[in-house]
Amino acid sequence: MNRPLIVLKDNLLMPILATEARIEEIQLELNSAISHVNLNGLFLMLVSYIESMQKEVITYYLKYQPERLPANTIEVDKSVLVANEDFYLLERIISEHIEKMPFWRLSKLFYEVLRINKPCNDQIIQNIKKRRNELIHKNLEVNFKHKQVRQDSVDAEYLSNCLNEYVKYLDGLKSEICKAFARCSKINALKNLWHYTFKTPLCANFSDYWYVDYEKDYLHGCKKPDIEHNLSSSEKFMLEIWRSQVCGCKVDFLNMASLGYHKQCCLYMFLKLSNDIFLYS
C-alpha cells in the first residue's frame, strides 16, 4: 500500500524564504565590505547558503517520501541505529545520506527528486559555484622565479551580480515548487493521512468529523457524529489521538500492543505530521 502524500508546500518553501532573508543581509553588508577578505567571505557564504537550502528542502521531502531516493540501497552508520530508538530514525538516516553526498550530486538530485524544472538561470548559478571552487582551491599562485605571489578574489561588482542572480534563482525555485506542490496544503495532508488511517466507510467523509477552514488551511474544531459509536476500538483510539491535537481532548489509552502494524505506522506518521502542523500553528 502506497504511503499517503503528507508533504507541506509551505515547509518546502520555508528554507528558501530563510535563504532570501540571508541574501538581503549580504546585500546590506556589501555596502561596507571594502576589503578583498570581506568580499571573498561574503561570496563564499552566499554560495554555501544556497547549498544548505537545497539540503534542507530535499531532506524534509525525503523523510516523507523515501521511495523517491534514487538508490535502492544506502549505507547506515551503526551509531545512527544505536542512538535513535524513536520516530526520528528515518529522518536521521536521510540526513546522514544527504550529508555524505557531494554537492554536484546533490544539485542534480534536487530537481530529480522534487520533479521540478530548473530555474531559467541555473547555468549561471552553476558557473558561480565553479568560481567559488576556484576561489577556495586555486586561490594562491606563486611565481618562484620572480618571487611573486598572486591571490585570487572577487570584486564588489561581481558579488552584486551574483546576489541578483541568486534572487532570480530563488524566485524561479519558489515558482516551480508552488506549481508542483500546489495541492500540498495542511488540510490535504491531513485528509490524505485520514483516509490512509481510517479505511472504514464510516470515516469516508472527512468533514463529518471536522470543522474545516479551507481558506485559512486549518481545522478549527471537532465534530462528534453518531456514526462514530460504530467504530472499532482501535479506530476510536486513533480518532481520540487526532482530536487530542486539534481540540485538546483527552485520550483513553488502550493496550498499545493491540494495535496492528498498519495502525502503528499510521500513529507514527500522525506524530510526525503533528510536529509540522499543530506544534507551531
Protein backbone atom coordinates (compact mmCIF):
# COMPACT_ATOMS: atom_id res chain seq x y z
CA MET A 1 0.00 0.00 0.00
CA ASN A 2 1.47 3.35 -1.07
CA ARG A 3 2.07 5.79 1.76
CA PRO A 4 -0.04 8.98 1.71
CA LEU A 5 1.38 12.27 0.46
CA ILE A 6 1.69 14.42 3.58
CA VAL A 7 4.36 16.85 2.40
CA LEU A 8 3.54 20.52 3.03
CA LYS A 9 4.23 23.11 0.34
CA ASP A 10 4.85 25.78 3.00
CA ASN A 11 7.56 23.63 4.59
CA LEU A 12 9.28 23.14 1.25
CA LEU A 13 9.30 26.92 0.82
CA MET A 14 10.49 27.72 4.35
CA PRO A 15 14.24 27.13 3.72
CA ILE A 16 14.01 29.17 0.51
CA LEU A 17 12.39 32.11 2.30
CA ALA A 18 15.03 31.92 5.03
CA THR A 19 17.77 31.97 2.37
CA GLU A 20 16.22 35.06 0.79
CA ALA A 21 16.49 36.82 4.14
CA ARG A 22 20.17 35.85 4.41
CA ILE A 23 20.83 37.16 0.92
CA GLU A 24 19.33 40.51 1.96
CA GLU A 25 21.78 40.55 4.87
CA ILE A 26 24.69 40.03 2.47
CA GLN A 27 23.38 42.84 0.25
CA LEU A 28 23.47 45.18 3.25
CA GLU A 29 26.97 44.04 4.22
CA LEU A 30 28.19 44.59 0.67
CA ASN A 31 27.93 48.36 1.15
CA SER A 32 30.61 48.27 3.85
CA ALA A 33 32.72 45.33 2.64
CA ILE A 34 35.64 47.21 1.12
CA SER A 35 38.45 44.68 1.61
CA HIS A 36 39.07 41.63 -0.58
CA VAL A 37 38.92 39.45 2.52
CA ASN A 38 35.40 40.65 3.34
CA LEU A 39 34.22 40.37 -0.25
CA ASN A 40 35.59 36.84 -0.58
CA GLY A 41 33.99 35.83 2.71
CA LEU A 42 30.58 37.17 1.69
CA PHE A 43 30.83 35.42 -1.67
CA LEU A 44 31.68 32.06 -0.08
CA MET A 45 28.82 32.46 2.39
CA LEU A 46 26.39 33.26 -0.42
CA VAL A 47 27.09 30.04 -2.31
CA SER A 48 27.06 27.93 0.85
CA TYR A 49 23.65 29.35 1.84
CA ILE A 50 22.13 28.02 -1.40
CA GLU A 51 23.65 24.57 -0.95
CA SER A 52 22.42 24.43 2.65
CA MET A 53 18.95 25.41 1.46
CA GLN A 54 18.89 22.57 -1.06
CA LYS A 55 19.90 20.11 1.67
CA GLU A 56 17.12 21.27 3.97
CA VAL A 57 14.43 21.09 1.28
CA ILE A 58 15.38 17.66 -0.02
CA THR A 59 15.86 16.18 3.47
CA TYR A 60 12.40 17.37 4.51
CA TYR A 61 10.83 15.94 1.35
CA LEU A 62 12.57 12.57 1.56
CA LYS A 63 11.65 11.98 5.19
CA TYR A 64 8.05 11.75 3.98
CA GLN A 65 8.76 10.27 0.55
CA PRO A 66 11.80 7.97 1.00
CA GLU A 67 10.74 5.97 -2.04
CA ARG A 68 11.99 8.93 -4.12
CA LEU A 69 15.58 8.10 -3.17
CA PRO A 70 17.28 7.10 -6.43
CA ALA A 71 19.43 4.38 -4.85
CA ASN A 72 17.91 1.02 -3.98
CA THR A 73 20.29 0.66 -1.04
CA ILE A 74 22.02 3.18 1.22
CA GLU A 75 24.65 2.75 3.91
CA VAL A 76 23.69 3.44 7.52
CA ASP A 77 26.22 4.03 10.28
CA LYS A 78 25.76 1.80 13.28
CA SER A 79 25.90 4.88 15.53
CA VAL A 80 22.66 6.15 13.97
CA LEU A 81 20.85 2.93 14.77
CA VAL A 82 22.23 2.81 18.32
CA ALA A 83 21.42 6.45 19.13
CA ASN A 84 17.90 6.60 17.72
CA GLU A 85 15.13 4.46 19.12
CA ASP A 86 12.43 6.88 18.06
CA PHE A 87 10.40 8.03 15.10
CA TYR A 88 13.18 10.38 14.01
CA LEU A 89 15.24 7.41 12.85
CA LEU A 90 14.22 7.69 9.20
CA GLU A 91 14.94 11.42 9.21
CA ARG A 92 18.41 10.83 10.67
CA ILE A 93 19.16 8.16 8.09
CA ILE A 94 18.06 10.50 5.29
CA SER A 95 20.05 13.41 6.75
CA GLU A 96 23.19 11.31 7.03
CA HIS A 97 22.79 10.07 3.45
CA ILE A 98 22.40 13.64 2.12
CA GLU A 99 25.33 14.94 4.20
CA LYS A 100 27.66 12.37 2.63
CA MET A 101 26.63 13.35 -0.88
CA PRO A 102 28.97 15.58 -2.94
CA PHE A 103 27.49 18.95 -3.83
CA TRP A 104 27.42 18.26 -7.57
CA ARG A 105 25.34 15.13 -6.93
CA LEU A 106 23.05 16.92 -4.52
CA SER A 107 22.36 19.69 -7.04
CA LYS A 108 21.35 17.15 -9.69
CA LEU A 109 19.33 15.06 -7.26
CA PHE A 110 17.47 18.13 -6.04
CA TYR A 111 15.48 18.55 -9.26
CA GLU A 112 15.11 14.83 -9.96
CA VAL A 113 13.64 14.02 -6.56
CA LEU A 114 11.28 17.01 -6.42
CA ARG A 115 10.35 16.57 -10.10
CA ILE A 116 10.63 20.27 -10.82
CA ASN A 117 12.24 22.21 -13.65
CA LYS A 118 15.45 24.09 -13.09
CA PRO A 119 15.11 27.90 -12.85
CA CYS A 120 16.00 29.61 -16.11
CA ASN A 121 19.34 30.93 -14.81
CA ASP A 122 20.53 27.61 -13.39
CA GLN A 123 23.57 27.52 -15.68
CA ILE A 124 24.65 30.91 -14.38
CA ILE A 125 24.31 29.56 -10.85
CA GLN A 126 26.50 26.58 -11.78
CA ASN A 127 29.16 28.96 -13.11
CA ILE A 128 29.05 30.89 -9.84
CA LYS A 129 29.65 27.64 -7.97
CA LYS A 130 32.64 26.91 -10.20
CA ARG A 131 34.00 30.36 -9.39
CA ARG A 132 33.57 29.59 -5.69
CA ASN A 133 35.52 26.34 -6.11
CA GLU A 134 38.32 28.18 -7.88
CA LEU A 135 38.47 30.74 -5.12
CA ILE A 136 38.82 28.01 -2.49
CA HIS A 137 41.15 25.59 -4.26
CA LYS A 138 43.15 27.84 -6.63
CA ASN A 139 43.39 30.96 -4.54
CA LEU A 140 47.16 31.17 -4.35
CA GLU A 141 49.71 31.16 -7.19
CA VAL A 142 53.41 31.60 -6.55
CA ASN A 143 55.98 32.57 -9.18
CA PHE A 144 59.17 31.31 -7.55
CA LYS A 145 61.44 32.71 -10.26
CA HIS A 146 60.25 36.29 -9.83
CA LYS A 147 59.26 35.81 -6.19
CA GLN A 148 55.73 36.98 -6.90
CA VAL A 149 52.53 35.87 -5.19
CA ARG A 150 49.07 36.23 -6.71
CA GLN A 151 45.92 35.75 -4.67
CA ASP A 152 42.51 35.46 -6.26
CA SER A 153 39.49 37.46 -5.11
CA VAL A 154 36.10 38.73 -6.24
CA ASP A 155 35.19 42.39 -6.51
CA ALA A 156 32.07 44.20 -5.31
CA GLU A 157 30.55 44.39 -8.79
CA TYR A 158 30.83 40.63 -9.35
CA LEU A 159 29.39 39.86 -5.91
CA SER A 160 26.49 42.25 -6.55
CA ASN A 161 25.74 40.50 -9.85
CA CYS A 162 25.83 37.11 -8.09
CA LEU A 163 23.39 38.33 -5.49
CA ASN A 164 20.99 39.45 -8.21
CA GLU A 165 21.27 36.08 -9.95
CA TYR A 166 20.53 34.22 -6.73
CA VAL A 167 17.47 36.38 -6.11
CA LYS A 168 16.22 35.40 -9.59
CA TYR A 169 17.11 31.78 -8.93
CA LEU A 170 15.16 31.62 -5.66
CA ASP A 171 12.17 33.33 -7.28
CA GLY A 172 12.20 30.69 -10.01
CA LEU A 173 12.57 27.93 -7.45
CA LYS A 174 9.61 29.18 -5.42
CA SER A 175 7.51 29.33 -8.58
CA GLU A 176 8.39 25.75 -9.53
CA ILE A 177 7.64 24.40 -6.05
CA CYS A 178 4.35 26.29 -5.80
CA LYS A 179 3.31 24.83 -9.14
CA ALA A 180 4.44 21.26 -8.45
CA PHE A 181 3.10 21.12 -4.88
CA ALA A 182 0.07 23.37 -5.22
CA ARG A 183 -2.20 20.78 -3.60
CA CYS A 184 0.14 20.09 -0.67
CA SER A 185 -1.74 22.13 1.92
CA LYS A 186 -2.13 21.26 5.60
CA ILE A 187 -5.75 20.25 5.08
CA ASN A 188 -4.92 17.99 2.14
CA ALA A 189 -2.07 16.38 4.07
CA LEU A 190 -4.42 15.66 6.97
CA LYS A 191 -7.12 14.35 4.63
CA ASN A 192 -4.65 12.05 2.87
CA LEU A 193 -3.45 10.64 6.17
CA TRP A 194 -7.03 10.39 7.47
CA HIS A 195 -8.17 8.22 4.57
CA TYR A 196 -4.99 6.14 4.83
CA THR A 197 -5.66 5.57 8.54
CA PHE A 198 -9.43 5.07 8.56
CA LYS A 199 -10.43 2.60 5.86
CA THR A 200 -13.98 2.16 7.12
CA PRO A 201 -16.86 3.73 5.14
CA LEU A 202 -17.91 5.34 8.43
CA CYS A 203 -14.97 7.75 8.02
CA ALA A 204 -15.25 8.28 4.29
CA ASN A 205 -16.40 11.87 4.69
CA PHE A 206 -13.65 13.91 6.37
CA SER A 207 -15.99 16.82 7.09
CA ASP A 208 -18.26 14.56 9.16
CA TYR A 209 -15.61 14.70 11.90
CA TRP A 210 -14.00 18.12 11.47
CA TYR A 211 -14.83 21.78 11.03
CA VAL A 212 -12.60 22.67 8.10
CA ASP A 213 -11.47 26.17 7.10
CA TYR A 214 -10.08 25.70 3.61
CA GLU A 215 -9.33 29.40 3.15
CA LYS A 216 -7.11 29.60 6.25
CA ASP A 217 -5.95 26.00 5.79
CA TYR A 218 -6.63 24.61 9.24
CA LEU A 219 -9.06 22.57 11.33
CA HIS A 220 -10.86 24.80 13.83
CA GLY A 221 -12.89 22.20 15.69
CA CYS A 222 -14.10 18.64 16.12
CA LYS A 223 -17.47 17.16 15.29
CA LYS A 224 -18.88 14.08 17.02
CA PRO A 225 -21.22 12.29 14.61
CA ASP A 226 -23.42 9.45 15.88
CA ILE A 227 -21.77 7.02 13.45
CA GLU A 228 -18.51 7.10 15.42
CA HIS A 229 -20.05 4.79 18.03
CA ASN A 230 -19.84 2.02 15.43
CA LEU A 231 -16.07 2.36 15.01
CA SER A 232 -13.76 -0.38 16.26
CA SER A 233 -11.78 0.14 19.47
CA SER A 234 -8.55 0.82 17.57
CA GLU A 235 -10.33 3.29 15.26
CA LYS A 236 -11.83 5.09 18.26
CA PHE A 237 -8.38 5.27 19.83
CA MET A 238 -6.85 6.76 16.67
CA LEU A 239 -9.73 9.24 16.45
CA GLU A 240 -9.05 10.33 20.03
CA ILE A 241 -5.37 10.81 19.19
CA TRP A 242 -6.34 13.11 16.34
CA ARG A 243 -8.82 15.03 18.49
CA SER A 244 -6.24 15.49 21.23
CA GLN A 245 -4.11 17.51 18.82
CA VAL A 246 -6.90 19.52 17.22
CA CYS A 247 -9.25 20.10 20.18
CA GLY A 248 -7.20 19.16 23.23
CA CYS A 249 -9.47 16.19 24.02
CA LYS A 250 -8.35 13.52 26.48
CA VAL A 251 -7.29 10.11 25.22
CA ASP A 252 -8.42 6.83 26.77
CA PHE A 253 -5.41 4.65 26.05
CA LEU A 254 -5.99 1.07 25.08
CA ASN A 255 -3.43 -1.70 25.16
CA MET A 256 -0.92 -0.36 22.63
CA ALA A 257 0.16 -3.91 21.76
CA SER A 258 -3.32 -4.49 20.36
CA LEU A 259 -2.68 -2.03 17.55
CA GLY A 260 -1.89 -3.81 14.30
CA TYR A 261 1.10 -2.95 12.15
CA HIS A 262 -0.90 -0.61 9.90
CA LYS A 263 -2.32 1.40 12.81
CA GLN A 264 1.15 1.63 14.39
CA CYS A 265 2.51 3.05 11.14
CA CYS A 266 -0.40 5.49 10.98
CA LEU A 267 0.25 6.60 14.55
CA TYR A 268 3.90 7.17 13.69
CA MET A 269 3.02 9.24 10.62
CA PHE A 270 0.47 11.28 12.55
CA LEU A 271 3.01 12.09 15.26
CA LYS A 272 5.49 13.16 12.59
CA LEU A 273 2.94 15.29 10.76
CA SER A 274 1.76 16.82 14.05
CA ASN A 275 5.24 18.21 14.61
CA ASP A 276 4.89 20.10 11.32
CA ILE A 277 1.30 21.27 11.70
CA PHE A 278 -0.02 21.55 15.24
CA LEU A 279 3.05 22.38 17.28
CA TYR A 280 3.67 25.79 15.71
CA SER A 281 0.25 26.61 14.23
